[in-house]
């Protein structure tokens, strides 16, 4: 039989039914005999339920990228002609590039092509 220290590491996955069948059985067997681990599992359940009740449903729809391809093309055309393209000149847009200010941080800056 598994120790509480081993079982406690599996309680979150047990609550979400993400364990292998033999692990689910082992945890269920332990929970039937251990009030401490059963209490911890009950706390996990309560926290999950509370979070689901206060968190709005997330929308995983694709982002609206209308105009993105055109903007990339304008920047690319501007760099290839070594000047400001007609489309970027009329829109007031300057070519941009991605520059790293520090490791892990990125900023958009005007491109010098």
PDB file of N, CA and C in Angstrom:
ATOM      1  N   UNK A   1       0.837  -1.174   0.000  1.00  0.00           N
ATOM      2  CA  UNK A   1       0.000   0.000   0.000  1.00  0.00           C
ATOM      3  C   UNK A   1       0.887   1.245   0.000  1.00  0.00           C
ATOM      4  N   UNK A   2       0.487   2.260  -0.771  1.00  0.00           N
ATOM      5  CA  UNK A   2       1.269   3.481  -0.921  1.00  0.00           C
ATOM      6  C   UNK A   2       1.157   4.358   0.322  1.00  0.00           C
ATOM      7  N   UNK A   3       2.180   5.123   0.564  1.00  0.00           N
ATOM      8  CA  UNK A   3       2.218   6.067   1.677  1.00  0.00           C
ATOM      9  C   UNK A   3       1.449   7.334   1.304  1.00  0.00           C
ATOM     10  N   UNK A   4       1.016   8.071   2.318  1.00  0.00           N
ATOM     11  CA  UNK A   4       0.308   9.334   2.098  1.00  0.00           C
ATOM     12  C   UNK A   4       1.151  10.307   1.269  1.00  0.00           C
ATOM     13  N   UNK A   5       2.461  10.326   1.502  1.00  0.00           N
ATOM     14  CA  UNK A   5       3.327  11.250   0.767  1.00  0.00           C
ATOM     15  C   UNK A   5       3.299  10.972  -0.739  1.00  0.00           C
ATOM     16  N   UNK A   6       3.172   9.705  -1.110  1.00  0.00           N
ATOM     17  CA  UNK A   6       3.092   9.328  -2.523  1.00  0.00           C
ATOM     18  C   UNK A   6       1.695   9.629  -3.080  1.00  0.00           C
ATOM     19  N   UNK A   7       0.689   9.302  -2.327  1.00  0.00           N
ATOM     20  CA  UNK A   7      -0.696   9.494  -2.758  1.00  0.00           C
ATOM     21  C   UNK A   7      -1.021  10.977  -2.897  1.00  0.00           C
ATOM     22  N   UNK A   8      -0.534  11.798  -1.967  1.00  0.00           N
ATOM     23  CA  UNK A   8      -0.862  13.227  -2.002  1.00  0.00           C
ATOM     24  C   UNK A   8      -0.393  13.883  -3.296  1.00  0.00           C
ATOM     25  N   UNK A   9       0.680  13.363  -3.882  1.00  0.00           N
ATOM     26  CA  UNK A   9       1.172  13.897  -5.152  1.00  0.00           C
ATOM     27  C   UNK A   9       0.246  13.563  -6.324  1.00  0.00           C
ATOM     28  N   UNK A  10      -0.594  12.569  -6.148  1.00  0.00           N
ATOM     29  CA  UNK A  10      -1.476  12.129  -7.234  1.00  0.00           C
ATOM     30  C   UNK A  10      -2.914  12.607  -7.076  1.00  0.00           C
ATOM     31  N   UNK A  11      -3.226  13.304  -5.986  1.00  0.00           N
ATOM     32  CA  UNK A  11      -4.618  13.657  -5.723  1.00  0.00           C
ATOM     33  C   UNK A  11      -5.216  14.617  -6.750  1.00  0.00           C
ATOM     34  N   UNK A  12      -4.447  15.593  -7.209  1.00  0.00           N
ATOM     35  CA  UNK A  12      -4.955  16.511  -8.227  1.00  0.00           C
ATOM     36  C   UNK A  12      -5.294  15.778  -9.519  1.00  0.00           C
ATOM     37  N   UNK A  13      -4.390  14.911  -9.952  1.00  0.00           N
ATOM     38  CA  UNK A  13      -4.629  14.136 -11.158  1.00  0.00           C
ATOM     39  C   UNK A  13      -5.770  13.140 -10.951  1.00  0.00           C
ATOM     40  N   UNK A  14      -5.901  12.620  -9.741  1.00  0.00           N
ATOM     41  CA  UNK A  14      -7.010  11.718  -9.427  1.00  0.00           C
ATOM     42  C   UNK A  14      -8.331  12.466  -9.544  1.00  0.00           C
ATOM     43  N   UNK A  15      -8.380  13.672  -8.990  1.00  0.00           N
ATOM     44  CA  UNK A  15      -9.593  14.498  -9.037  1.00  0.00           C
ATOM     45  C   UNK A  15     -10.011  14.774 -10.482  1.00  0.00           C
ATOM     46  N   UNK A  16      -9.023  14.946 -11.365  1.00  0.00           N
ATOM     47  CA  UNK A  16      -9.292  15.236 -12.777  1.00  0.00           C
ATOM     48  C   UNK A  16      -9.350  13.981 -13.637  1.00  0.00           C
ATOM     49  N   UNK A  17      -9.275  12.796 -13.008  1.00  0.00           N
ATOM     50  CA  UNK A  17      -9.305  11.504 -13.710  1.00  0.00           C
ATOM     51  C   UNK A  17      -8.222  11.412 -14.786  1.00  0.00           C
ATOM     52  N   UNK A  18      -7.027  11.876 -14.447  1.00  0.00           N
ATOM     53  CA  UNK A  18      -5.910  11.879 -15.391  1.00  0.00           C
ATOM     54  C   UNK A  18      -4.875  10.792 -15.107  1.00  0.00           C
ATOM     55  N   UNK A  19      -5.142   9.936 -14.152  1.00  0.00           N
ATOM     56  CA  UNK A  19      -4.207   8.858 -13.814  1.00  0.00           C
ATOM     57  C   UNK A  19      -4.488   7.627 -14.658  1.00  0.00           C
ATOM     58  N   UNK A  20      -3.502   6.777 -14.733  1.00  0.00           N
ATOM     59  CA  UNK A  20      -3.680   5.478 -15.378  1.00  0.00           C
ATOM     60  C   UNK A  20      -4.660   4.653 -14.534  1.00  0.00           C
ATOM     61  N   UNK A  21      -5.366   3.714 -15.153  1.00  0.00           N
ATOM     62  CA  UNK A  21      -6.363   2.931 -14.401  1.00  0.00           C
ATOM     63  C   UNK A  21      -5.820   2.285 -13.125  1.00  0.00           C
ATOM     64  N   UNK A  22      -4.611   1.720 -13.185  1.00  0.00           N
ATOM     65  CA  UNK A  22      -4.059   1.088 -11.983  1.00  0.00           C
ATOM     66  C   UNK A  22      -3.744   2.118 -10.899  1.00  0.00           C
ATOM     67  N   UNK A  23      -3.343   3.348 -11.299  1.00  0.00           N
ATOM     68  CA  UNK A  23      -3.084   4.407 -10.323  1.00  0.00           C
ATOM     69  C   UNK A  23      -4.401   4.910  -9.723  1.00  0.00           C
ATOM     70  N   UNK A  24      -5.439   5.033 -10.551  1.00  0.00           N
ATOM     71  CA  UNK A  24      -6.753   5.452 -10.050  1.00  0.00           C
ATOM     72  C   UNK A  24      -7.223   4.473  -8.978  1.00  0.00           C
ATOM     73  N   UNK A  25      -7.029   3.184  -9.240  1.00  0.00           N
ATOM     74  CA  UNK A  25      -7.450   2.152  -8.308  1.00  0.00           C
ATOM     75  C   UNK A  25      -6.639   2.234  -7.011  1.00  0.00           C
ATOM     76  N   UNK A  26      -5.347   2.439  -7.135  1.00  0.00           N
ATOM     77  CA  UNK A  26      -4.476   2.529  -5.956  1.00  0.00           C
ATOM     78  C   UNK A  26      -4.867   3.724  -5.083  1.00  0.00           C
ATOM     79  N   UNK A  27      -5.118   4.874  -5.715  1.00  0.00           N
ATOM     80  CA  UNK A  27      -5.498   6.068  -4.955  1.00  0.00           C
ATOM     81  C   UNK A  27      -6.863   5.863  -4.305  1.00  0.00           C
ATOM     82  N   UNK A  28      -7.810   5.312  -5.043  1.00  0.00           N
ATOM     83  CA  UNK A  28      -9.152   5.070  -4.486  1.00  0.00           C
ATOM     84  C   UNK A  28      -9.076   4.123  -3.290  1.00  0.00           C
ATOM     85  N   UNK A  29      -8.262   3.087  -3.403  1.00  0.00           N
ATOM     86  CA  UNK A  29      -8.076   2.135  -2.300  1.00  0.00           C
ATOM     87  C   UNK A  29      -7.519   2.852  -1.073  1.00  0.00           C
ATOM     88  N   UNK A  30      -6.519   3.712  -1.292  1.00  0.00           N
ATOM     89  CA  UNK A  30      -5.904   4.451  -0.191  1.00  0.00           C
ATOM     90  C   UNK A  30      -6.923   5.412   0.432  1.00  0.00           C
ATOM     91  N   UNK A  31      -7.690   6.104  -0.393  1.00  0.00           N
ATOM     92  CA  UNK A  31      -8.661   7.082   0.105  1.00  0.00           C
ATOM     93  C   UNK A  31      -9.751   6.428   0.959  1.00  0.00           C
ATOM     94  N   UNK A  32     -10.082   5.190   0.623  1.00  0.00           N
ATOM     95  CA  UNK A  32     -11.108   4.477   1.390  1.00  0.00           C
ATOM     96  C   UNK A  32     -10.651   4.214   2.824  1.00  0.00           C
ATOM     97  N   UNK A  33      -9.344   4.287   3.067  1.00  0.00           N
ATOM     98  CA  UNK A  33      -8.800   3.972   4.379  1.00  0.00           C
ATOM     99  C   UNK A  33      -8.080   5.131   5.060  1.00  0.00           C
ATOM    100  N   UNK A  34      -7.997   6.274   4.390  1.00  0.00           N
ATOM    101  CA  UNK A  34      -7.198   7.378   4.931  1.00  0.00           C
ATOM    102  C   UNK A  34      -8.022   8.665   4.983  1.00  0.00           C
ATOM    103  N   UNK A  35      -8.390   9.067   6.177  1.00  0.00           N
ATOM    104  CA  UNK A  35      -9.184  10.284   6.352  1.00  0.00           C
ATOM    105  C   UNK A  35      -8.393  11.540   5.978  1.00  0.00           C
ATOM    106  N   UNK A  36      -7.098  11.544   6.241  1.00  0.00           N
ATOM    107  CA  UNK A  36      -6.266  12.710   5.950  1.00  0.00           C
ATOM    108  C   UNK A  36      -6.228  12.996   4.443  1.00  0.00           C
ATOM    109  N   UNK A  37      -5.951  11.991   3.650  1.00  0.00           N
ATOM    110  CA  UNK A  37      -5.892  12.160   2.194  1.00  0.00           C
ATOM    111  C   UNK A  37      -7.282  12.454   1.620  1.00  0.00           C
ATOM    112  N   UNK A  38      -8.305  11.851   2.203  1.00  0.00           N
ATOM    113  CA  UNK A  38      -9.681  12.129   1.770  1.00  0.00           C
ATOM    114  C   UNK A  38     -10.031  13.594   2.004  1.00  0.00           C
ATOM    115  N   UNK A  39      -9.565  14.134   3.107  1.00  0.00           N
ATOM    116  CA  UNK A  39      -9.811  15.542   3.422  1.00  0.00           C
ATOM    117  C   UNK A  39      -9.088  16.459   2.425  1.00  0.00           C
ATOM    118  N   UNK A  40      -7.859  16.105   2.094  1.00  0.00           N
ATOM    119  CA  UNK A  40      -7.092  16.884   1.109  1.00  0.00           C
ATOM    120  C   UNK A  40      -7.796  16.842  -0.250  1.00  0.00           C
ATOM    121  N   UNK A  41      -8.271  15.673  -0.657  1.00  0.00           N
ATOM    122  CA  UNK A  41      -8.992  15.540  -1.918  1.00  0.00           C
ATOM    123  C   UNK A  41     -10.264  16.386  -1.897  1.00  0.00           C
ATOM    124  N   UNK A  42     -10.948  16.417  -0.781  1.00  0.00           N
ATOM    125  CA  UNK A  42     -12.147  17.241  -0.643  1.00  0.00           C
ATOM    126  C   UNK A  42     -11.803  18.715  -0.820  1.00  0.00           C
ATOM    127  N   UNK A  43     -10.668  19.139  -0.279  1.00  0.00           N
ATOM    128  CA  UNK A  43     -10.220  20.524  -0.454  1.00  0.00           C
ATOM    129  C   UNK A  43      -9.933  20.825  -1.924  1.00  0.00           C
ATOM    130  N   UNK A  44      -9.272  19.888  -2.617  1.00  0.00           N
ATOM    131  CA  UNK A  44      -9.024  20.052  -4.055  1.00  0.00           C
ATOM    132  C   UNK A  44     -10.343  20.238  -4.801  1.00  0.00           C
ATOM    133  N   UNK A  45     -11.318  19.421  -4.469  1.00  0.00           N
ATOM    134  CA  UNK A  45     -12.623  19.491  -5.125  1.00  0.00           C
ATOM    135  C   UNK A  45     -13.285  20.842  -4.883  1.00  0.00           C
ATOM    136  N   UNK A  46     -13.213  21.314  -3.648  1.00  0.00           N
ATOM    137  CA  UNK A  46     -13.816  22.600  -3.292  1.00  0.00           C
ATOM    138  C   UNK A  46     -13.144  23.744  -4.045  1.00  0.00           C
ATOM    139  N   UNK A  47     -11.826  23.750  -4.072  1.00  0.00           N
ATOM    140  CA  UNK A  47     -11.088  24.801  -4.776  1.00  0.00           C
ATOM    141  C   UNK A  47     -11.452  24.789  -6.268  1.00  0.00           C
ATOM    142  N   UNK A  48     -11.456  23.623  -6.872  1.00  0.00           N
ATOM    143  CA  UNK A  48     -11.808  23.513  -8.292  1.00  0.00           C
ATOM    144  C   UNK A  48     -13.209  24.026  -8.569  1.00  0.00           C
ATOM    145  N   UNK A  49     -14.144  23.651  -7.733  1.00  0.00           N
ATOM    146  CA  UNK A  49     -15.537  24.083  -7.898  1.00  0.00           C
ATOM    147  C   UNK A  49     -15.655  25.595  -7.766  1.00  0.00           C
ATOM    148  N   UNK A  50     -14.976  26.157  -6.764  1.00  0.00           N
ATOM    149  CA  UNK A  50     -15.014  27.609  -6.556  1.00  0.00           C
ATOM    150  C   UNK A  50     -14.387  28.358  -7.735  1.00  0.00           C
ATOM    151  N   UNK A  51     -13.260  27.872  -8.228  1.00  0.00           N
ATOM    152  CA  UNK A  51     -12.612  28.525  -9.365  1.00  0.00           C
ATOM    153  C   UNK A  51     -13.497  28.490 -10.606  1.00  0.00           C
ATOM    154  N   UNK A  52     -14.138  27.363 -10.853  1.00  0.00           N
ATOM    155  CA  UNK A  52     -15.025  27.266 -12.014  1.00  0.00           C
ATOM    156  C   UNK A  52     -16.213  28.204 -11.879  1.00  0.00           C
ATOM    157  N   UNK A  53     -16.651  28.468 -10.666  1.00  0.00           N
ATOM    158  CA  UNK A  53     -17.819  29.333 -10.481  1.00  0.00           C
ATOM    159  C   UNK A  53     -17.486  30.808 -10.651  1.00  0.00           C
ATOM    160  N   UNK A  54     -16.230  31.215 -10.404  1.00  0.00           N
ATOM    161  CA  UNK A  54     -15.886  32.628 -10.520  1.00  0.00           C
ATOM    162  C   UNK A  54     -15.144  32.971 -11.807  1.00  0.00           C
ATOM    163  N   UNK A  55     -14.645  31.992 -12.514  1.00  0.00           N
ATOM    164  CA  UNK A  55     -13.896  32.229 -13.736  1.00  0.00           C
ATOM    165  C   UNK A  55     -14.848  32.219 -14.924  1.00  0.00           C
ATOM    166  N   UNK A  56     -14.900  33.314 -15.689  1.00  0.00           N
ATOM    167  CA  UNK A  56     -15.766  33.301 -16.871  1.00  0.00           C
ATOM    168  C   UNK A  56     -15.254  32.287 -17.887  1.00  0.00           C
ATOM    169  N   UNK A  57     -16.154  31.804 -18.692  1.00  0.00           N
ATOM    170  CA  UNK A  57     -15.766  30.856 -19.737  1.00  0.00           C
ATOM    171  C   UNK A  57     -14.760  31.531 -20.660  1.00  0.00           C
ATOM    172  N   UNK A  58     -13.674  30.848 -20.933  1.00  0.00           N
ATOM    173  CA  UNK A  58     -12.647  31.405 -21.801  1.00  0.00           C
ATOM    174  C   UNK A  58     -13.005  31.153 -23.253  1.00  0.00           C
ATOM    175  N   UNK A  59     -12.763  32.123 -24.099  1.00  0.00           N
ATOM    176  CA  UNK A  59     -13.048  32.007 -25.520  1.00  0.00           C
ATOM    177  C   UNK A  59     -11.753  31.659 -26.233  1.00  0.00           C
ATOM    178  N   UNK A  60     -11.675  30.448 -26.764  1.00  0.00           N
ATOM    179  CA  UNK A  60     -10.475  30.008 -27.453  1.00  0.00           C
ATOM    180  C   UNK A  60     -10.614  30.132 -28.963  1.00  0.00           C
ATOM    181  N   UNK A  61     -11.473  31.053 -29.417  1.00  0.00           N
ATOM    182  CA  UNK A  61     -11.640  31.283 -30.846  1.00  0.00           C
ATOM    183  C   UNK A  61     -10.350  31.877 -31.399  1.00  0.00           C
ATOM    184  N   UNK A  62     -10.142  31.680 -32.677  1.00  0.00           N
ATOM    185  CA  UNK A  62      -8.951  32.224 -33.326  1.00  0.00           C
ATOM    186  C   UNK A  62      -8.985  33.749 -33.251  1.00  0.00           C
ATOM    187  N   UNK A  63      -7.835  34.377 -33.030  1.00  0.00           N
ATOM    188  CA  UNK A  63      -7.808  35.839 -32.955  1.00  0.00           C
ATOM    189  C   UNK A  63      -8.137  36.451 -34.314  1.00  0.00           C
ATOM    190  N   UNK A  64      -8.643  37.663 -34.288  1.00  0.00           N
ATOM    191  CA  UNK A  64      -8.957  38.383 -35.512  1.00  0.00           C
ATOM    192  C   UNK A  64      -7.658  38.943 -36.088  1.00  0.00           C
ATOM    193  N   UNK A  65      -7.216  38.393 -37.191  1.00  0.00           N
ATOM    194  CA  UNK A  65      -5.957  38.816 -37.805  1.00  0.00           C
ATOM    195  C   UNK A  65      -6.194  39.608 -39.084  1.00  0.00           C
ATOM    196  N   UNK A  66      -7.378  40.193 -39.207  1.00  0.00           N
ATOM    197  CA  UNK A  66      -7.690  40.974 -40.403  1.00  0.00           C
ATOM    198  C   UNK A  66      -6.652  42.071 -40.560  1.00  0.00           C
ATOM    199  N   UNK A  67      -6.068  42.151 -41.720  1.00  0.00           N
ATOM    200  CA  UNK A  67      -5.076  43.182 -42.015  1.00  0.00           C
ATOM    201  C   UNK A  67      -3.660  42.826 -41.630  1.00  0.00           C
ATOM    202  N   UNK A  68      -3.460  41.733 -40.916  1.00  0.00           N
ATOM    203  CA  UNK A  68      -2.117  41.373 -40.462  1.00  0.00           C
ATOM    204  C   UNK A  68      -1.194  41.063 -41.638  1.00  0.00           C
ATOM    205  N   UNK A  69      -1.676  40.251 -42.584  1.00  0.00           N
ATOM    206  CA  UNK A  69      -0.858  39.889 -43.745  1.00  0.00           C
ATOM    207  C   UNK A  69      -0.499  41.125 -44.554  1.00  0.00           C
ATOM    208  N   UNK A  70      -1.447  42.048 -44.724  1.00  0.00           N
ATOM    209  CA  UNK A  70      -1.162  43.278 -45.468  1.00  0.00           C
ATOM    210  C   UNK A  70      -0.097  44.113 -44.762  1.00  0.00           C
ATOM    211  N   UNK A  71      -0.178  44.200 -43.440  1.00  0.00           N
ATOM    212  CA  UNK A  71       0.803  44.973 -42.682  1.00  0.00           C
ATOM    213  C   UNK A  71       2.196  44.362 -42.809  1.00  0.00           C
ATOM    214  N   UNK A  72       2.288  43.060 -42.759  1.00  0.00           N
ATOM    215  CA  UNK A  72       3.579  42.380 -42.908  1.00  0.00           C
ATOM    216  C   UNK A  72       4.123  42.610 -44.309  1.00  0.00           C
ATOM    217  N   UNK A  73       3.254  42.539 -45.301  1.00  0.00           N
ATOM    218  CA  UNK A  73       3.683  42.777 -46.687  1.00  0.00           C
ATOM    219  C   UNK A  73       4.202  44.202 -46.859  1.00  0.00           C
ATOM    220  N   UNK A  74       3.523  45.193 -46.273  1.00  0.00           N
ATOM    221  CA  UNK A  74       3.970  46.585 -46.393  1.00  0.00           C
ATOM    222  C   UNK A  74       5.350  46.757 -45.780  1.00  0.00           C
ATOM    223  N   UNK A  75       5.573  46.144 -44.630  1.00  0.00           N
ATOM    224  CA  UNK A  75       6.875  46.242 -43.974  1.00  0.00           C
ATOM    225  C   UNK A  75       7.937  45.575 -44.834  1.00  0.00           C
ATOM    226  N   UNK A  76       7.620  44.412 -45.361  1.00  0.00           N
ATOM    227  CA  UNK A  76       8.564  43.669 -46.193  1.00  0.00           C
ATOM    228  C   UNK A  76       8.897  44.441 -47.460  1.00  0.00           C
ATOM    229  N   UNK A  77       7.895  44.992 -48.111  1.00  0.00           N
ATOM    230  CA  UNK A  77       8.114  45.769 -49.335  1.00  0.00           C
ATOM    231  C   UNK A  77       8.971  46.983 -49.024  1.00  0.00           C
ATOM    232  N   UNK A  78       8.705  47.639 -47.898  1.00  0.00           N
ATOM    233  CA  UNK A  78       9.491  48.803 -47.512  1.00  0.00           C
ATOM    234  C   UNK A  78      10.950  48.468 -47.316  1.00  0.00           C
ATOM    235  N   UNK A  79      11.249  47.327 -46.753  1.00  0.00           N
ATOM    236  CA  UNK A  79      12.637  46.923 -46.524  1.00  0.00           C
ATOM    237  C   UNK A  79      13.326  46.531 -47.819  1.00  0.00           C
ATOM    238  N   UNK A  80      12.593  45.869 -48.705  1.00  0.00           N
ATOM    239  CA  UNK A  80      13.199  45.409 -49.966  1.00  0.00           C
ATOM    240  C   UNK A  80      13.527  46.573 -50.884  1.00  0.00           C
ATOM    241  N   UNK A  81      12.777  47.653 -50.798  1.00  0.00           N
ATOM    242  CA  UNK A  81      13.036  48.796 -51.683  1.00  0.00           C
ATOM    243  C   UNK A  81      14.008  49.786 -51.045  1.00  0.00           C
ATOM    244  N   UNK A  82      14.470  49.476 -49.829  1.00  0.00           N
ATOM    245  CA  UNK A  82      15.414  50.321 -49.090  1.00  0.00           C
ATOM    246  C   UNK A  82      14.882  51.733 -48.874  1.00  0.00           C
ATOM    247  N   UNK A  83      13.602  51.825 -48.797  1.00  0.00           N
ATOM    248  CA  UNK A  83      12.983  53.112 -48.545  1.00  0.00           C
ATOM    249  C   UNK A  83      11.580  52.866 -48.045  1.00  0.00           C
ATOM    250  N   UNK A  84      10.825  53.922 -47.980  1.00  0.00           N
ATOM    251  CA  UNK A  84       9.447  53.798 -47.533  1.00  0.00           C
ATOM    252  C   UNK A  84       8.593  53.468 -48.731  1.00  0.00           C
ATOM    253  N   UNK A  85       7.830  52.409 -48.637  1.00  0.00           N
ATOM    254  CA  UNK A  85       6.972  52.025 -49.751  1.00  0.00           C
ATOM    255  C   UNK A  85       5.832  53.009 -49.883  1.00  0.00           C
ATOM    256  N   UNK A  86       5.228  53.038 -51.056  1.00  0.00           N
ATOM    257  CA  UNK A  86       4.121  53.955 -51.306  1.00  0.00           C
ATOM    258  C   UNK A  86       2.974  53.686 -50.350  1.00  0.00           C
ATOM    259  N   UNK A  87       2.693  52.417 -50.092  1.00  0.00           N
ATOM    260  CA  UNK A  87       1.571  52.115 -49.205  1.00  0.00           C
ATOM    261  C   UNK A  87       1.848  52.546 -47.777  1.00  0.00           C
ATOM    262  N   UNK A  88       3.093  52.411 -47.309  1.00  0.00           N
ATOM    263  CA  UNK A  88       3.384  52.832 -45.944  1.00  0.00           C
ATOM    264  C   UNK A  88       3.505  54.342 -45.847  1.00  0.00           C
ATOM    265  N   UNK A  89       3.910  54.994 -46.944  1.00  0.00           N
ATOM    266  CA  UNK A  89       4.007  56.443 -46.935  1.00  0.00           C
ATOM    267  C   UNK A  89       2.628  57.065 -46.837  1.00  0.00           C
ATOM    268  N   UNK A  90       1.672  56.501 -47.546  1.00  0.00           N
ATOM    269  CA  UNK A  90       0.332  57.072 -47.509  1.00  0.00           C
ATOM    270  C   UNK A  90      -0.373  56.743 -46.208  1.00  0.00           C
ATOM    271  N   UNK A  91      -0.038  55.638 -45.596  1.00  0.00           N
ATOM    272  CA  UNK A  91      -0.700  55.279 -44.343  1.00  0.00           C
ATOM    273  C   UNK A  91       0.005  55.866 -43.135  1.00  0.00           C
ATOM    274  N   UNK A  92       1.213  56.402 -43.349  1.00  0.00           N
ATOM    275  CA  UNK A  92       1.970  56.951 -42.238  1.00  0.00           C
ATOM    276  C   UNK A  92       2.687  55.882 -41.430  1.00  0.00           C
ATOM    277  N   UNK A  93       2.650  54.638 -41.911  1.00  0.00           N
ATOM    278  CA  UNK A  93       3.279  53.548 -41.180  1.00  0.00           C
ATOM    279  C   UNK A  93       4.744  53.439 -41.556  1.00  0.00           C
ATOM    280  N   UNK A  94       5.587  53.258 -40.583  1.00  0.00           N
ATOM    281  CA  UNK A  94       7.006  53.054 -40.829  1.00  0.00           C
ATOM    282  C   UNK A  94       7.313  51.576 -40.686  1.00  0.00           C
ATOM    283  N   UNK A  95       8.270  51.075 -41.474  1.00  0.00           N
ATOM    284  CA  UNK A  95       8.664  49.676 -41.291  1.00  0.00           C
ATOM    285  C   UNK A  95       9.138  49.466 -39.856  1.00  0.00           C
ATOM    286  N   UNK A  96       8.851  48.312 -39.301  1.00  0.00           N
ATOM    287  CA  UNK A  96       9.241  48.020 -37.931  1.00  0.00           C
ATOM    288  C   UNK A  96      10.036  46.731 -37.885  1.00  0.00           C
ATOM    289  N   UNK A  97      10.783  46.552 -36.838  1.00  0.00           N
ATOM    290  CA  UNK A  97      11.500  45.302 -36.610  1.00  0.00           C
ATOM    291  C   UNK A  97      11.407  44.953 -35.145  1.00  0.00           C
ATOM    292  N   UNK A  98      11.670  43.717 -34.842  1.00  0.00           N
ATOM    293  CA  UNK A  98      11.629  43.233 -33.472  1.00  0.00           C
ATOM    294  C   UNK A  98      13.048  43.278 -32.926  1.00  0.00           C
ATOM    295  N   UNK A  99      13.243  44.019 -31.840  1.00  0.00           N
ATOM    296  CA  UNK A  99      14.568  44.145 -31.239  1.00  0.00           C
ATOM    297  C   UNK A  99      14.514  43.673 -29.798  1.00  0.00           C
ATOM    298  N   UNK A 100      15.565  43.055 -29.343  1.00  0.00           N
ATOM    299  CA  UNK A 100      15.632  42.588 -27.962  1.00  0.00           C
ATOM    300  C   UNK A 100      16.346  43.634 -27.119  1.00  0.00           C
ATOM    301  N   UNK A 101      15.626  44.132 -26.118  1.00  0.00           N
ATOM    302  CA  UNK A 101      16.214  45.090 -25.195  1.00  0.00           C
ATOM    303  C   UNK A 101      17.030  44.368 -24.136  1.00  0.00           C
ATOM    304  N   UNK A 102      16.564  43.219 -23.733  1.00  0.00           N
ATOM    305  CA  UNK A 102      17.260  42.403 -22.754  1.00  0.00           C
ATOM    306  C   UNK A 102      16.822  40.968 -22.988  1.00  0.00           C
ATOM    307  N   UNK A 103      17.535  39.998 -22.447  1.00  0.00           N
ATOM    308  CA  UNK A 103      17.145  38.601 -22.658  1.00  0.00           C
ATOM    309  C   UNK A 103      15.690  38.376 -22.265  1.00  0.00           C
ATOM    310  N   UNK A 104      14.914  37.834 -23.197  1.00  0.00           N
ATOM    311  CA  UNK A 104      13.530  37.518 -22.925  1.00  0.00           C
ATOM    312  C   UNK A 104      12.564  38.669 -23.171  1.00  0.00           C
ATOM    313  N   UNK A 105      13.077  39.891 -23.350  1.00  0.00           N
ATOM    314  CA  UNK A 105      12.194  41.025 -23.588  1.00  0.00           C
ATOM    315  C   UNK A 105      12.350  41.472 -25.043  1.00  0.00           C
ATOM    316  N   UNK A 106      11.250  41.796 -25.665  1.00  0.00           N
ATOM    317  CA  UNK A 106      11.289  42.230 -27.055  1.00  0.00           C
ATOM    318  C   UNK A 106      10.490  43.503 -27.191  1.00  0.00           C
ATOM    319  N   UNK A 107      10.912  44.355 -28.099  1.00  0.00           N
ATOM    320  CA  UNK A 107      10.212  45.612 -28.365  1.00  0.00           C
ATOM    321  C   UNK A 107      10.150  45.813 -29.877  1.00  0.00           C
ATOM    322  N   UNK A 108       9.092  46.483 -30.341  1.00  0.00           N
ATOM    323  CA  UNK A 108       8.995  46.857 -31.733  1.00  0.00           C
ATOM    324  C   UNK A 108       9.687  48.195 -31.902  1.00  0.00           C
ATOM    325  N   UNK A 109      10.579  48.283 -32.905  1.00  0.00           N
ATOM    326  CA  UNK A 109      11.284  49.514 -33.172  1.00  0.00           C
ATOM    327  C   UNK A 109      11.261  49.773 -34.670  1.00  0.00           C
ATOM    328  N   UNK A 110      11.362  51.043 -35.069  1.00  0.00           N
ATOM    329  CA  UNK A 110      11.411  51.326 -36.502  1.00  0.00           C
ATOM    330  C   UNK A 110      12.599  50.593 -37.124  1.00  0.00           C
ATOM    331  N   UNK A 111      12.377  50.050 -38.294  1.00  0.00           N
ATOM    332  CA  UNK A 111      13.425  49.293 -38.967  1.00  0.00           C
ATOM    333  C   UNK A 111      14.291  50.222 -39.812  1.00  0.00           C
ATOM    334  N   UNK A 112      15.563  49.934 -39.834  1.00  0.00           N
ATOM    335  CA  UNK A 112      16.488  50.688 -40.677  1.00  0.00           C
ATOM    336  C   UNK A 112      16.840  49.891 -41.931  1.00  0.00           C
ATOM    337  N   UNK A 113      16.275  48.710 -42.076  1.00  0.00           N
ATOM    338  CA  UNK A 113      16.500  47.797 -43.208  1.00  0.00           C
ATOM    339  C   UNK A 113      17.927  47.856 -43.608  1.00  0.00           C
TER     340      UNK A 113
END
